[in-house]
Amino acid sequence: IIASSGSVPRGAGARMAVTKGGELTGPIGGGAVEYRVQQIAAQALIDKASVIKSFVLSADDKENLGMVCGGDVTVHIKYIPSDNQKARELFTRGSGLFSQNVDSWLLTRIKAGAEKESSETSEEELSELEIYTSGDKLRLPGGTDVFFGQKPACFEHNGSAYYAEPLTHAGRVYVFGGGHCSQELVPLLSHLGGGCVVFVSLPEFANEELFPTAVDRIVGDFENISENISVTENDYVVIMTRGHASDFTVQAQALRLKPKYVGVIGSRKKIAFVSQRLRDIGFSQADIDSVRTPIGLDIKADTPAEIAVSIAAELILVRARKD
């Protein structure tokens, strides 16, 4: 989906792959739109041509999809030949970026109608598909610079349209503590696309069986977390250790490192105790108020699994507000 407006199941940036055999990977919203796009994609594979298609999601739209969302979406169905070596190399590189802690973007040249893809690119055109990583800037022919943001966007150059979308986001979620809530939270965040690092003080909690989806499992001293990790402004810190003292120790260090998010689990009595200790060592009330505690959105969560859902929801909200 390269453009959307109004009420739609999924917006710009949603992507789906359709193979010649009909296999699907990744949804673009489900329902009638997705089914119709599957049909168009199947024909595009036969025609070896890219297509742009717009859908108006109302009960009486011309496609008769029977949807009453009240919005519209524009879908770019891009044909990629299986023998395109450049595309293979690009996909290999893109897959590798998910294990690296970087911002990256995928740039796609949009071709409309029944225009067939060519393996050649003129000097005045950009590549059909390209990846740019954090720090890169795109210099268009003629000397114009383009910088990519955190939202998908279309732009035009030299009579052609291009679509740039975020591929990976820099930032780790550092989870301190390996208890029941952490064991529920880490696989959930991993499924949502977050790279989680588990930091514990006891070796028995730093094992792959408890945290199979974590990108790293660290045994370290809560008194000096920077000996083992480097927290940046892109990172999230979730504090769920076994006691007040450890929570306070990690929270004080995290506040000085100024990550994007600091959240601490605990009761209101514990929060008051830790907050007073932070004031006693010089933290301002603004510093203390920046911490999300009790952690997570208020959904009346009770069990470790429910608490994990509330924390994950809060992290999604923080990321969306930043974008």
C-alpha atoms as a PDB file:
ATOM      1  CA  ILE A   1       0.000   0.000   0.000  1.00  0.00           C
ATOM      2  CA  ILE A   2       1.600   3.269  -1.096  1.00  0.00           C
ATOM      3  CA  ALA A   3      -1.183   5.669  -0.091  1.00  0.00           C
ATOM      4  CA  SER A   4      -4.284   5.604   2.080  1.00  0.00           C
ATOM      5  CA  SER A   5      -6.858   7.940   3.578  1.00  0.00           C
ATOM      6  CA  GLY A   6      -9.904   7.730   5.781  1.00  0.00           C
ATOM      7  CA  SER A   7     -10.787   4.561   7.663  1.00  0.00           C
ATOM      8  CA  VAL A   8      -8.902   1.571   6.228  1.00  0.00           C
ATOM      9  CA  PRO A   9      -7.766  -1.770   7.701  1.00  0.00           C
ATOM     10  CA  ARG A  10      -4.077  -0.972   7.040  1.00  0.00           C
ATOM     11  CA  GLY A  11      -2.338   2.094   5.692  1.00  0.00           C
ATOM     12  CA  ALA A  12       0.716   3.015   3.658  1.00  0.00           C
ATOM     13  CA  GLY A  13       3.654   0.746   4.376  1.00  0.00           C
ATOM     14  CA  ALA A  14       1.660  -2.504   4.586  1.00  0.00           C
ATOM     15  CA  ARG A  15       3.280  -5.045   2.274  1.00  0.00           C
ATOM     16  CA  MET A  16       2.468  -8.533   1.007  1.00  0.00           C
ATOM     17  CA  ALA A  17       4.347 -10.971  -1.238  1.00  0.00           C
ATOM     18  CA  VAL A  18       2.468 -13.182  -3.704  1.00  0.00           C
ATOM     19  CA  THR A  19       4.276 -16.023  -5.472  1.00  0.00           C
ATOM     20  CA  LYS A  20       3.502 -17.707  -8.762  1.00  0.00           C
ATOM     21  CA  GLY A  21       2.196 -20.686  -6.808  1.00  0.00           C
ATOM     22  CA  GLY A  22      -0.234 -18.458  -4.872  1.00  0.00           C
ATOM     23  CA  GLU A  23       1.593 -18.468  -1.529  1.00  0.00           C
ATOM     24  CA  LEU A  24       1.202 -15.309   0.575  1.00  0.00           C
ATOM     25  CA  THR A  25       3.562 -13.687   3.064  1.00  0.00           C
ATOM     26  CA  GLY A  26       2.422 -10.711   5.099  1.00  0.00           C
ATOM     27  CA  PRO A  27      -1.091  -9.184   5.092  1.00  0.00           C
ATOM     28  CA  ILE A  28      -2.180  -5.803   3.720  1.00  0.00           C
ATOM     29  CA  GLY A  29      -5.397  -5.727   5.702  1.00  0.00           C
ATOM     30  CA  GLY A  30      -7.255  -8.904   4.887  1.00  0.00           C
ATOM     31  CA  GLY A  31     -10.774  -9.074   3.550  1.00  0.00           C
ATOM     32  CA  ALA A  32     -11.993  -8.165   0.091  1.00  0.00           C
ATOM     33  CA  VAL A  33      -9.167  -5.756  -0.790  1.00  0.00           C
ATOM     34  CA  GLU A  34      -6.502  -8.321  -0.058  1.00  0.00           C
ATOM     35  CA  TYR A  35      -8.370 -10.983  -2.025  1.00  0.00           C
ATOM     36  CA  ARG A  36      -8.737  -8.663  -5.038  1.00  0.00           C
ATOM     37  CA  VAL A  37      -5.039  -7.719  -4.864  1.00  0.00           C
ATOM     38  CA  GLN A  38      -4.138 -11.428  -4.874  1.00  0.00           C
ATOM     39  CA  GLN A  39      -6.050 -11.815  -8.129  1.00  0.00           C
ATOM     40  CA  ILE A  40      -4.364  -8.776  -9.704  1.00  0.00           C
ATOM     41  CA  ALA A  41      -0.948  -9.981  -8.533  1.00  0.00           C
ATOM     42  CA  ALA A  42      -1.547 -13.410 -10.073  1.00  0.00           C
ATOM     43  CA  GLN A  43      -2.258 -11.730 -13.408  1.00  0.00           C
ATOM     44  CA  ALA A  44       0.779  -9.446 -12.999  1.00  0.00           C
ATOM     45  CA  LEU A  45       2.957 -12.542 -12.666  1.00  0.00           C
ATOM     46  CA  ILE A  46       1.556 -13.831 -15.964  1.00  0.00           C
ATOM     47  CA  ASP A  47       1.882 -10.459 -17.710  1.00  0.00           C
ATOM     48  CA  LYS A  48       5.300  -9.769 -16.114  1.00  0.00           C
ATOM     49  CA  ALA A  49       4.112  -6.232 -15.493  1.00  0.00           C
ATOM     50  CA  SER A  50       3.652  -3.876 -12.561  1.00  0.00           C
ATOM     51  CA  VAL A  51       0.253  -2.341 -11.828  1.00  0.00           C
ATOM     52  CA  ILE A  52      -1.142   0.456  -9.655  1.00  0.00           C
ATOM     53  CA  LYS A  53      -4.689  -0.030  -8.388  1.00  0.00           C
ATOM     54  CA  SER A  54      -6.874   2.202  -6.211  1.00  0.00           C
ATOM     55  CA  PHE A  55      -9.806   0.988  -4.115  1.00  0.00           C
ATOM     56  CA  VAL A  56     -12.608   3.100  -2.655  1.00  0.00           C
ATOM     57  CA  LEU A  57     -13.895   1.279   0.396  1.00  0.00           C
ATOM     58  CA  SER A  58     -17.601   1.969   0.346  1.00  0.00           C
ATOM     59  CA  ALA A  59     -20.650  -0.208  -0.167  1.00  0.00           C
ATOM     60  CA  ASP A  60     -21.245   1.079  -3.709  1.00  0.00           C
ATOM     61  CA  ASP A  61     -17.663   1.378  -4.970  1.00  0.00           C
ATOM     62  CA  LYS A  62     -16.904   0.383  -8.547  1.00  0.00           C
ATOM     63  CA  GLU A  63     -15.031  -2.750  -7.497  1.00  0.00           C
ATOM     64  CA  ASN A  64     -18.106  -3.945  -5.573  1.00  0.00           C
ATOM     65  CA  LEU A  65     -15.944  -5.071  -2.678  1.00  0.00           C
ATOM     66  CA  GLY A  66     -18.801  -4.610  -0.225  1.00  0.00           C
ATOM     67  CA  MET A  67     -16.627  -2.790   2.314  1.00  0.00           C
ATOM     68  CA  VAL A  68     -17.963   0.239   4.191  1.00  0.00           C
ATOM     69  CA  CYS A  69     -14.793   1.450   5.894  1.00  0.00           C
ATOM     70  CA  GLY A  70     -15.157   4.886   4.377  1.00  0.00           C
ATOM     71  CA  GLY A  71     -11.587   5.276   3.138  1.00  0.00           C
ATOM     72  CA  ASP A  72      -9.458   4.456   0.134  1.00  0.00           C
ATOM     73  CA  VAL A  73      -6.143   2.747  -0.559  1.00  0.00           C
ATOM     74  CA  THR A  74      -3.711   2.758  -3.475  1.00  0.00           C
ATOM     75  CA  VAL A  75      -1.780  -0.445  -4.024  1.00  0.00           C
ATOM     76  CA  HIS A  76       1.369  -0.850  -6.101  1.00  0.00           C
ATOM     77  CA  ILE A  77       1.659  -4.415  -7.386  1.00  0.00           C
ATOM     78  CA  LYS A  78       5.326  -4.700  -8.328  1.00  0.00           C
ATOM     79  CA  TYR A  79       6.453  -7.545 -10.556  1.00  0.00           C
ATOM     80  CA  ILE A  80       9.867  -8.952  -9.564  1.00  0.00           C
ATOM     81  CA  PRO A  81      11.321 -11.605 -11.903  1.00  0.00           C
ATOM     82  CA  SER A  82      12.845 -14.605 -10.185  1.00  0.00           C
ATOM     83  CA  ASP A  83      16.057 -14.330 -12.212  1.00  0.00           C
ATOM     84  CA  ASN A  84      16.718 -10.715 -11.155  1.00  0.00           C
ATOM     85  CA  GLN A  85      20.101 -11.011  -9.440  1.00  0.00           C
ATOM     86  CA  LYS A  86      20.022  -7.437  -8.117  1.00  0.00           C
ATOM     87  CA  ALA A  87      16.717  -8.117  -6.363  1.00  0.00           C
ATOM     88  CA  ARG A  88      18.120 -11.311  -4.821  1.00  0.00           C
ATOM     89  CA  GLU A  89      21.130  -9.408  -3.504  1.00  0.00           C
ATOM     90  CA  LEU A  90      18.889  -6.664  -2.174  1.00  0.00           C
ATOM     91  CA  PHE A  91      16.651  -9.109  -0.309  1.00  0.00           C
ATOM     92  CA  THR A  92      19.680 -10.812   1.212  1.00  0.00           C
ATOM     93  CA  ARG A  93      21.019  -7.479   2.413  1.00  0.00           C
ATOM     94  CA  GLY A  94      17.619  -6.404   3.722  1.00  0.00           C
ATOM     95  CA  SER A  95      17.171  -9.633   5.683  1.00  0.00           C
ATOM     96  CA  GLY A  96      20.525  -9.068   7.351  1.00  0.00           C
ATOM     97  CA  LEU A  97      19.541  -5.583   8.501  1.00  0.00           C
ATOM     98  CA  PHE A  98      16.927  -6.996  10.881  1.00  0.00           C
ATOM     99  CA  SER A  99      19.701  -8.330  13.114  1.00  0.00           C
ATOM    100  CA  GLN A 100      21.523  -4.992  13.052  1.00  0.00           C
ATOM    101  CA  ASN A 101      20.554  -2.030  15.205  1.00  0.00           C
ATOM    102  CA  VAL A 102      20.088   0.525  12.394  1.00  0.00           C
ATOM    103  CA  ASP A 103      17.470   2.658  10.684  1.00  0.00           C
ATOM    104  CA  SER A 104      16.969   1.633   7.071  1.00  0.00           C
ATOM    105  CA  TRP A 105      14.565   2.381   4.222  1.00  0.00           C
ATOM    106  CA  LEU A 106      13.454   0.569   1.099  1.00  0.00           C
ATOM    107  CA  LEU A 107      13.118   2.708  -2.029  1.00  0.00           C
ATOM    108  CA  THR A 108      10.888   1.443  -4.850  1.00  0.00           C
ATOM    109  CA  ARG A 109      10.461   2.973  -8.286  1.00  0.00           C
ATOM    110  CA  ILE A 110       6.751   2.892  -9.091  1.00  0.00           C
ATOM    111  CA  LYS A 111       5.655   1.885 -12.570  1.00  0.00           C
ATOM    112  CA  ALA A 112       2.008   2.098 -13.521  1.00  0.00           C
ATOM    113  CA  GLY A 113      -0.294   0.425 -16.000  1.00  0.00           C
ATOM    114  CA  ALA A 114       1.054  -2.482 -18.014  1.00  0.00           C
ATOM    115  CA  GLU A 115       4.600  -1.146 -18.160  1.00  0.00           C
ATOM    116  CA  LYS A 116       6.947  -4.092 -18.014  1.00  0.00           C
ATOM    117  CA  GLU A 117       9.974  -4.132 -15.745  1.00  0.00           C
ATOM    118  CA  SER A 118      13.407  -3.725 -17.287  1.00  0.00           C
ATOM    119  CA  SER A 119      16.675  -4.991 -15.863  1.00  0.00           C
ATOM    120  CA  GLU A 120      18.396  -1.835 -17.135  1.00  0.00           C
ATOM    121  CA  THR A 121      18.418   1.577 -15.456  1.00  0.00           C
ATOM    122  CA  SER A 122      19.374   4.757 -17.259  1.00  0.00           C
ATOM    123  CA  GLU A 123      21.772   7.254 -15.716  1.00  0.00           C
ATOM    124  CA  GLU A 124      18.891   9.656 -15.144  1.00  0.00           C
ATOM    125  CA  GLU A 125      16.853   7.135 -13.127  1.00  0.00           C
ATOM    126  CA  LEU A 126      17.230   5.628  -9.707  1.00  0.00           C
ATOM    127  CA  SER A 127      17.322   1.880  -9.238  1.00  0.00           C
ATOM    128  CA  GLU A 128      14.037  -0.045  -9.311  1.00  0.00           C
ATOM    129  CA  LEU A 129      14.692  -1.195  -5.731  1.00  0.00           C
ATOM    130  CA  GLU A 130      17.319   0.109  -3.335  1.00  0.00           C
ATOM    131  CA  ILE A 131      18.064   0.125   0.396  1.00  0.00           C
ATOM    132  CA  TYR A 132      19.424   3.105   2.305  1.00  0.00           C
ATOM    133  CA  THR A 133      20.645   2.930   5.893  1.00  0.00           C
ATOM    134  CA  SER A 134      20.872   5.539   8.654  1.00  0.00           C
ATOM    135  CA  GLY A 135      23.238   8.322   7.761  1.00  0.00           C
ATOM    136  CA  ASP A 136      22.757   7.805   4.026  1.00  0.00           C
ATOM    137  CA  LYS A 137      21.245  10.505   1.917  1.00  0.00           C
ATOM    138  CA  LEU A 138      19.893   9.997  -1.543  1.00  0.00           C
ATOM    139  CA  ARG A 139      21.335  12.250  -4.225  1.00  0.00           C
ATOM    140  CA  LEU A 140      19.045  12.455  -7.209  1.00  0.00           C
ATOM    141  CA  PRO A 141      20.433  13.029 -10.698  1.00  0.00           C
ATOM    142  CA  GLY A 142      20.833  16.793 -10.953  1.00  0.00           C
ATOM    143  CA  GLY A 143      22.185  17.199  -7.431  1.00  0.00           C
ATOM    144  CA  THR A 144      19.038  17.278  -5.267  1.00  0.00           C
ATOM    145  CA  ASP A 145      19.300  15.575  -1.864  1.00  0.00           C
ATOM    146  CA  VAL A 146      16.436  13.606  -0.313  1.00  0.00           C
ATOM    147  CA  PHE A 147      16.345  12.562   3.331  1.00  0.00           C
ATOM    148  CA  PHE A 148      13.992   9.818   4.438  1.00  0.00           C
ATOM    149  CA  GLY A 149      11.748  10.135   7.494  1.00  0.00           C
ATOM    150  CA  GLN A 150       9.945   7.686   9.769  1.00  0.00           C
ATOM    151  CA  LYS A 151       6.785   7.456   7.674  1.00  0.00           C
ATOM    152  CA  PRO A 152       6.297   6.007   4.157  1.00  0.00           C
ATOM    153  CA  ALA A 153       6.242   8.691   1.494  1.00  0.00           C
ATOM    154  CA  CYS A 154       6.020   9.089  -2.281  1.00  0.00           C
ATOM    155  CA  PHE A 155       8.019  11.606  -4.312  1.00  0.00           C
ATOM    156  CA  GLU A 156       8.635  12.328  -7.982  1.00  0.00           C
ATOM    157  CA  HIS A 157      11.824  12.833  -9.947  1.00  0.00           C
ATOM    158  CA  ASN A 158      12.532  13.074 -13.672  1.00  0.00           C
ATOM    159  CA  GLY A 159       8.995  12.022 -14.569  1.00  0.00           C
ATOM    160  CA  SER A 160       9.042   8.917 -12.376  1.00  0.00           C
ATOM    161  CA  ALA A 161       7.388   8.243  -9.030  1.00  0.00           C
ATOM    162  CA  TYR A 162       9.224   6.684  -6.096  1.00  0.00           C
ATOM    163  CA  TYR A 163       8.066   5.243  -2.799  1.00  0.00           C
ATOM    164  CA  ALA A 164      10.294   5.277   0.295  1.00  0.00           C
ATOM    165  CA  GLU A 165       9.337   3.293   3.388  1.00  0.00           C
ATOM    166  CA  PRO A 166      11.069   2.438   6.675  1.00  0.00           C
ATOM    167  CA  LEU A 167      12.439  -1.099   6.636  1.00  0.00           C
ATOM    168  CA  THR A 168      14.106  -1.402  10.056  1.00  0.00           C
ATOM    169  CA  HIS A 169      14.210   0.872  13.097  1.00  0.00           C
ATOM    170  CA  ALA A 170      17.242   1.532  15.283  1.00  0.00           C
ATOM    171  CA  GLY A 171      16.647   0.814  18.943  1.00  0.00           C
ATOM    172  CA  ARG A 172      16.658  -2.100  21.350  1.00  0.00           C
ATOM    173  CA  VAL A 173      14.336  -2.946  24.211  1.00  0.00           C
ATOM    174  CA  TYR A 174      16.453  -3.636  27.299  1.00  0.00           C
ATOM    175  CA  VAL A 175      14.492  -5.765  29.752  1.00  0.00           C
ATOM    176  CA  PHE A 176      15.989  -5.868  33.260  1.00  0.00           C
ATOM    177  CA  GLY A 177      14.938  -8.951  35.197  1.00  0.00           C
ATOM    178  CA  GLY A 178      14.084 -12.454  34.070  1.00  0.00           C
ATOM    179  CA  GLY A 179      10.898 -13.238  35.973  1.00  0.00           C
ATOM    180  CA  HIS A 180       7.473 -14.300  34.773  1.00  0.00           C
ATOM    181  CA  CYS A 181       6.504 -10.921  33.287  1.00  0.00           C
ATOM    182  CA  SER A 182       9.779 -10.708  31.356  1.00  0.00           C
ATOM    183  CA  GLN A 183       9.288 -14.237  30.040  1.00  0.00           C
ATOM    184  CA  GLU A 184       5.880 -13.216  28.675  1.00  0.00           C
ATOM    185  CA  LEU A 185       6.994  -9.816  27.380  1.00  0.00           C
ATOM    186  CA  VAL A 186      10.123 -10.687  25.386  1.00  0.00           C
ATOM    187  CA  PRO A 187       8.525 -13.111  22.884  1.00  0.00           C
ATOM    188  CA  LEU A 188       5.604 -10.704  22.398  1.00  0.00           C
ATOM    189  CA  LEU A 189       7.913  -7.771  21.613  1.00  0.00           C
ATOM    190  CA  SER A 190      10.021  -9.959  19.343  1.00  0.00           C
ATOM    191  CA  HIS A 191       6.896 -10.850  17.372  1.00  0.00           C
ATOM    192  CA  LEU A 192       6.097  -7.143  17.062  1.00  0.00           C
ATOM    193  CA  GLY A 193       9.482  -6.435  15.517  1.00  0.00           C
ATOM    194  CA  GLY A 194      11.434  -5.269  18.564  1.00  0.00           C
ATOM    195  CA  GLY A 195      14.943  -6.538  19.258  1.00  0.00           C
ATOM    196  CA  CYS A 196      15.007  -7.457  22.957  1.00  0.00           C
ATOM    197  CA  VAL A 197      18.065  -7.743  25.188  1.00  0.00           C
ATOM    198  CA  VAL A 198      17.492  -9.444  28.546  1.00  0.00           C
ATOM    199  CA  PHE A 199      19.746  -8.249  31.395  1.00  0.00           C
ATOM    200  CA  VAL A 200      19.725 -10.380  34.558  1.00  0.00           C
ATOM    201  CA  SER A 201      21.913 -10.775  37.650  1.00  0.00           C
ATOM    202  CA  LEU A 202      21.527 -14.546  37.990  1.00  0.00           C
ATOM    203  CA  PRO A 203      22.925 -16.948  35.357  1.00  0.00           C
ATOM    204  CA  GLU A 204      19.981 -19.340  35.571  1.00  0.00           C
ATOM    205  CA  PHE A 205      17.731 -16.722  33.978  1.00  0.00           C
ATOM    206  CA  ALA A 206      20.063 -15.980  31.060  1.00  0.00           C
ATOM    207  CA  ASN A 207      19.332 -19.064  29.030  1.00  0.00           C
ATOM    208  CA  GLU A 208      17.878 -19.674  25.598  1.00  0.00           C
ATOM    209  CA  GLU A 209      15.141 -21.928  26.935  1.00  0.00           C
ATOM    210  CA  LEU A 210      13.550 -19.061  28.898  1.00  0.00           C
ATOM    211  CA  PHE A 211      14.226 -16.377  26.267  1.00  0.00           C
ATOM    212  CA  PRO A 212      14.578 -18.065  22.866  1.00  0.00           C
ATOM    213  CA  THR A 213      13.662 -14.915  20.888  1.00  0.00           C
ATOM    214  CA  ALA A 214      15.965 -12.448  22.673  1.00  0.00           C
ATOM    215  CA  VAL A 215      18.779 -11.028  20.535  1.00  0.00           C
ATOM    216  CA  ASP A 216      21.038 -11.251  23.587  1.00  0.00           C
ATOM    217  CA  ARG A 217      20.936 -12.542  27.154  1.00  0.00           C
ATOM    218  CA  ILE A 218      23.340 -10.817  29.547  1.00  0.00           C
ATOM    219  CA  VAL A 219      24.391 -11.687  33.082  1.00  0.00           C
ATOM    220  CA  GLY A 220      25.708  -8.553  34.733  1.00  0.00           C
ATOM    221  CA  ASP A 221      25.829  -6.268  37.728  1.00  0.00           C
ATOM    222  CA  PHE A 222      22.781  -4.037  38.138  1.00  0.00           C
ATOM    223  CA  GLU A 223      25.080  -1.521  39.855  1.00  0.00           C
ATOM    224  CA  ASN A 224      26.933  -0.802  36.599  1.00  0.00           C
ATOM    225  CA  ILE A 225      24.876  -1.686  33.554  1.00  0.00           C
ATOM    226  CA  SER A 226      27.124   0.260  31.154  1.00  0.00           C
ATOM    227  CA  GLU A 227      29.833  -2.342  31.625  1.00  0.00           C
ATOM    228  CA  ASN A 228      27.759  -4.656  29.418  1.00  0.00           C
ATOM    229  CA  ILE A 229      25.444  -2.503  27.310  1.00  0.00           C
ATOM    230  CA  SER A 230      25.372   0.894  25.614  1.00  0.00           C
ATOM    231  CA  VAL A 231      21.920   2.455  25.943  1.00  0.00           C
ATOM    232  CA  THR A 232      21.159   5.163  23.361  1.00  0.00           C
ATOM    233  CA  GLU A 233      18.391   7.694  22.754  1.00  0.00           C
ATOM    234  CA  ASN A 234      16.743   5.197  20.386  1.00  0.00           C
ATOM    235  CA  ASP A 235      16.372   2.511  23.041  1.00  0.00           C
ATOM    236  CA  TYR A 236      13.638   1.449  25.466  1.00  0.00           C
ATOM    237  CA  VAL A 237      14.354   0.401  29.059  1.00  0.00           C
ATOM    238  CA  VAL A 238      11.907  -1.895  30.877  1.00  0.00           C
ATOM    239  CA  ILE A 239      12.748  -2.475  34.551  1.00  0.00           C
ATOM    240  CA  MET A 240      11.277  -5.557  36.213  1.00  0.00           C
ATOM    241  CA  THR A 241      13.901  -6.817  38.677  1.00  0.00           C
ATOM    242  CA  ARG A 242      13.165  -8.777  41.842  1.00  0.00           C
ATOM    243  CA  GLY A 243      13.400  -5.920  44.368  1.00  0.00           C
ATOM    244  CA  HIS A 244      13.034  -2.215  45.123  1.00  0.00           C
ATOM    245  CA  ALA A 245      16.771  -1.681  45.515  1.00  0.00           C
ATOM    246  CA  SER A 246      17.655  -3.150  42.120  1.00  0.00           C
ATOM    247  CA  ASP A 247      14.834  -1.263  40.401  1.00  0.00           C
ATOM    248  CA  PHE A 248      16.084   1.988  41.932  1.00  0.00           C
ATOM    249  CA  THR A 249      19.684   1.291  40.935  1.00  0.00           C
ATOM    250  CA  VAL A 250      18.814   0.528  37.296  1.00  0.00           C
ATOM    251  CA  GLN A 251      16.304   3.390  37.054  1.00  0.00           C
ATOM    252  CA  ALA A 252      18.837   5.972  38.260  1.00  0.00           C
ATOM    253  CA  GLN A 253      21.361   4.836  35.647  1.00  0.00           C
ATOM    254  CA  ALA A 254      18.747   4.697  32.890  1.00  0.00           C
ATOM    255  CA  LEU A 255      17.595   8.265  33.562  1.00  0.00           C
ATOM    256  CA  ARG A 256      21.154   9.533  33.144  1.00  0.00           C
ATOM    257  CA  LEU A 257      21.479   7.680  29.811  1.00  0.00           C
ATOM    258  CA  LYS A 258      18.276   9.339  28.472  1.00  0.00           C
ATOM    259  CA  PRO A 259      16.738   6.543  26.374  1.00  0.00           C
ATOM    260  CA  LYS A 260      13.503   7.048  24.482  1.00  0.00           C
ATOM    261  CA  TYR A 261      11.493   5.234  27.139  1.00  0.00           C
ATOM    262  CA  VAL A 262      11.927   4.116  30.762  1.00  0.00           C
ATOM    263  CA  GLY A 263       9.225   1.999  32.358  1.00  0.00           C
ATOM    264  CA  VAL A 264       9.204   0.426  35.816  1.00  0.00           C
ATOM    265  CA  ILE A 265       6.837  -2.219  37.135  1.00  0.00           C
ATOM    266  CA  GLY A 266       5.520  -1.915  40.681  1.00  0.00           C
ATOM    267  CA  SER A 267       2.875  -0.816  43.153  1.00  0.00           C
ATOM    268  CA  ARG A 268       2.144   2.801  43.987  1.00  0.00           C
ATOM    269  CA  LYS A 269       3.857   2.352  47.380  1.00  0.00           C
ATOM    270  CA  LYS A 270       6.998   1.130  45.657  1.00  0.00           C
ATOM    271  CA  ILE A 271       6.813   3.988  43.140  1.00  0.00           C
ATOM    272  CA  ALA A 272       6.617   6.538  45.955  1.00  0.00           C
ATOM    273  CA  PHE A 273       9.601   4.937  47.711  1.00  0.00           C
ATOM    274  CA  VAL A 274      11.784   4.880  44.596  1.00  0.00           C
ATOM    275  CA  SER A 275      10.745   8.392  43.550  1.00  0.00           C
ATOM    276  CA  GLN A 276      11.791   9.797  46.918  1.00  0.00           C
ATOM    277  CA  ARG A 277      15.174   8.095  46.693  1.00  0.00           C
ATOM    278  CA  LEU A 278      15.671   9.568  43.217  1.00  0.00           C
ATOM    279  CA  ARG A 279      14.881  13.055  44.549  1.00  0.00           C
ATOM    280  CA  ASP A 280      17.328  12.491  47.392  1.00  0.00           C
ATOM    281  CA  ILE A 281      20.196  11.927  44.935  1.00  0.00           C
ATOM    282  CA  GLY A 282      19.404  14.970  42.835  1.00  0.00           C
ATOM    283  CA  PHE A 283      16.884  14.004  40.156  1.00  0.00           C
ATOM    284  CA  SER A 284      14.265  16.616  39.339  1.00  0.00           C
ATOM    285  CA  GLN A 285      10.538  16.001  39.424  1.00  0.00           C
ATOM    286  CA  ALA A 286      10.533  16.301  35.617  1.00  0.00           C
ATOM    287  CA  ASP A 287      13.066  13.457  35.441  1.00  0.00           C
ATOM    288  CA  ILE A 288      10.921  11.311  37.711  1.00  0.00           C
ATOM    289  CA  ASP A 289       7.727  12.147  35.814  1.00  0.00           C
ATOM    290  CA  SER A 290       9.341  11.010  32.540  1.00  0.00           C
ATOM    291  CA  VAL A 291       9.334   7.414  33.814  1.00  0.00           C
ATOM    292  CA  ARG A 292       6.290   5.307  32.899  1.00  0.00           C
ATOM    293  CA  THR A 293       5.263   3.763  36.204  1.00  0.00           C
ATOM    294  CA  PRO A 294       3.167   1.778  36.859  1.00  0.00           C
ATOM    295  CA  ILE A 295       4.397   0.452  33.548  1.00  0.00           C
ATOM    296  CA  GLY A 296       2.017  -0.257  30.677  1.00  0.00           C
ATOM    297  CA  LEU A 297      -1.329   1.059  29.510  1.00  0.00           C
ATOM    298  CA  ASP A 298      -4.143   0.794  32.041  1.00  0.00           C
ATOM    299  CA  ILE A 299      -6.107  -2.197  30.759  1.00  0.00           C
ATOM    300  CA  LYS A 300      -6.691  -3.666  34.234  1.00  0.00           C
ATOM    301  CA  ALA A 301      -3.971  -6.247  33.574  1.00  0.00           C
ATOM    302  CA  ASP A 302      -3.477  -8.846  36.283  1.00  0.00           C
ATOM    303  CA  THR A 303      -1.602 -11.914  35.044  1.00  0.00           C
ATOM    304  CA  PRO A 304       1.996 -11.788  33.709  1.00  0.00           C
ATOM    305  CA  ALA A 305       0.667 -12.339  30.184  1.00  0.00           C
ATOM    306  CA  GLU A 306      -1.817  -9.471  30.520  1.00  0.00           C
ATOM    307  CA  ILE A 307       0.860  -7.195  31.966  1.00  0.00           C
ATOM    308  CA  ALA A 308       3.082  -8.045  28.990  1.00  0.00           C
ATOM    309  CA  VAL A 309       0.293  -7.002  26.616  1.00  0.00           C
ATOM    310  CA  SER A 310      -0.164  -3.681  28.443  1.00  0.00           C
ATOM    311  CA  ILE A 311       3.590  -2.948  28.278  1.00  0.00           C
ATOM    312  CA  ALA A 312       3.813  -3.892  24.604  1.00  0.00           C
ATOM    313  CA  ALA A 313       0.843  -1.628  23.853  1.00  0.00           C
ATOM    314  CA  GLU A 314       2.539   1.282  25.606  1.00  0.00           C
ATOM    315  CA  LEU A 315       5.768   0.770  23.656  1.00  0.00           C
ATOM    316  CA  ILE A 316       3.803   0.708  20.387  1.00  0.00           C
ATOM    317  CA  LEU A 317       2.162   3.999  21.386  1.00  0.00           C
ATOM    318  CA  VAL A 318       5.491   5.638  22.259  1.00  0.00           C
ATOM    319  CA  ARG A 319       7.013   4.547  18.962  1.00  0.00           C
ATOM    320  CA  ALA A 320       4.006   5.781  16.988  1.00  0.00           C
ATOM    321  CA  ARG A 321       4.081   9.188  18.683  1.00  0.00           C
ATOM    322  CA  LYS A 322       7.792   9.547  17.875  1.00  0.00           C
ATOM    323  CA  ASP A 323       7.139   8.676  14.226  1.00  0.00           C
END
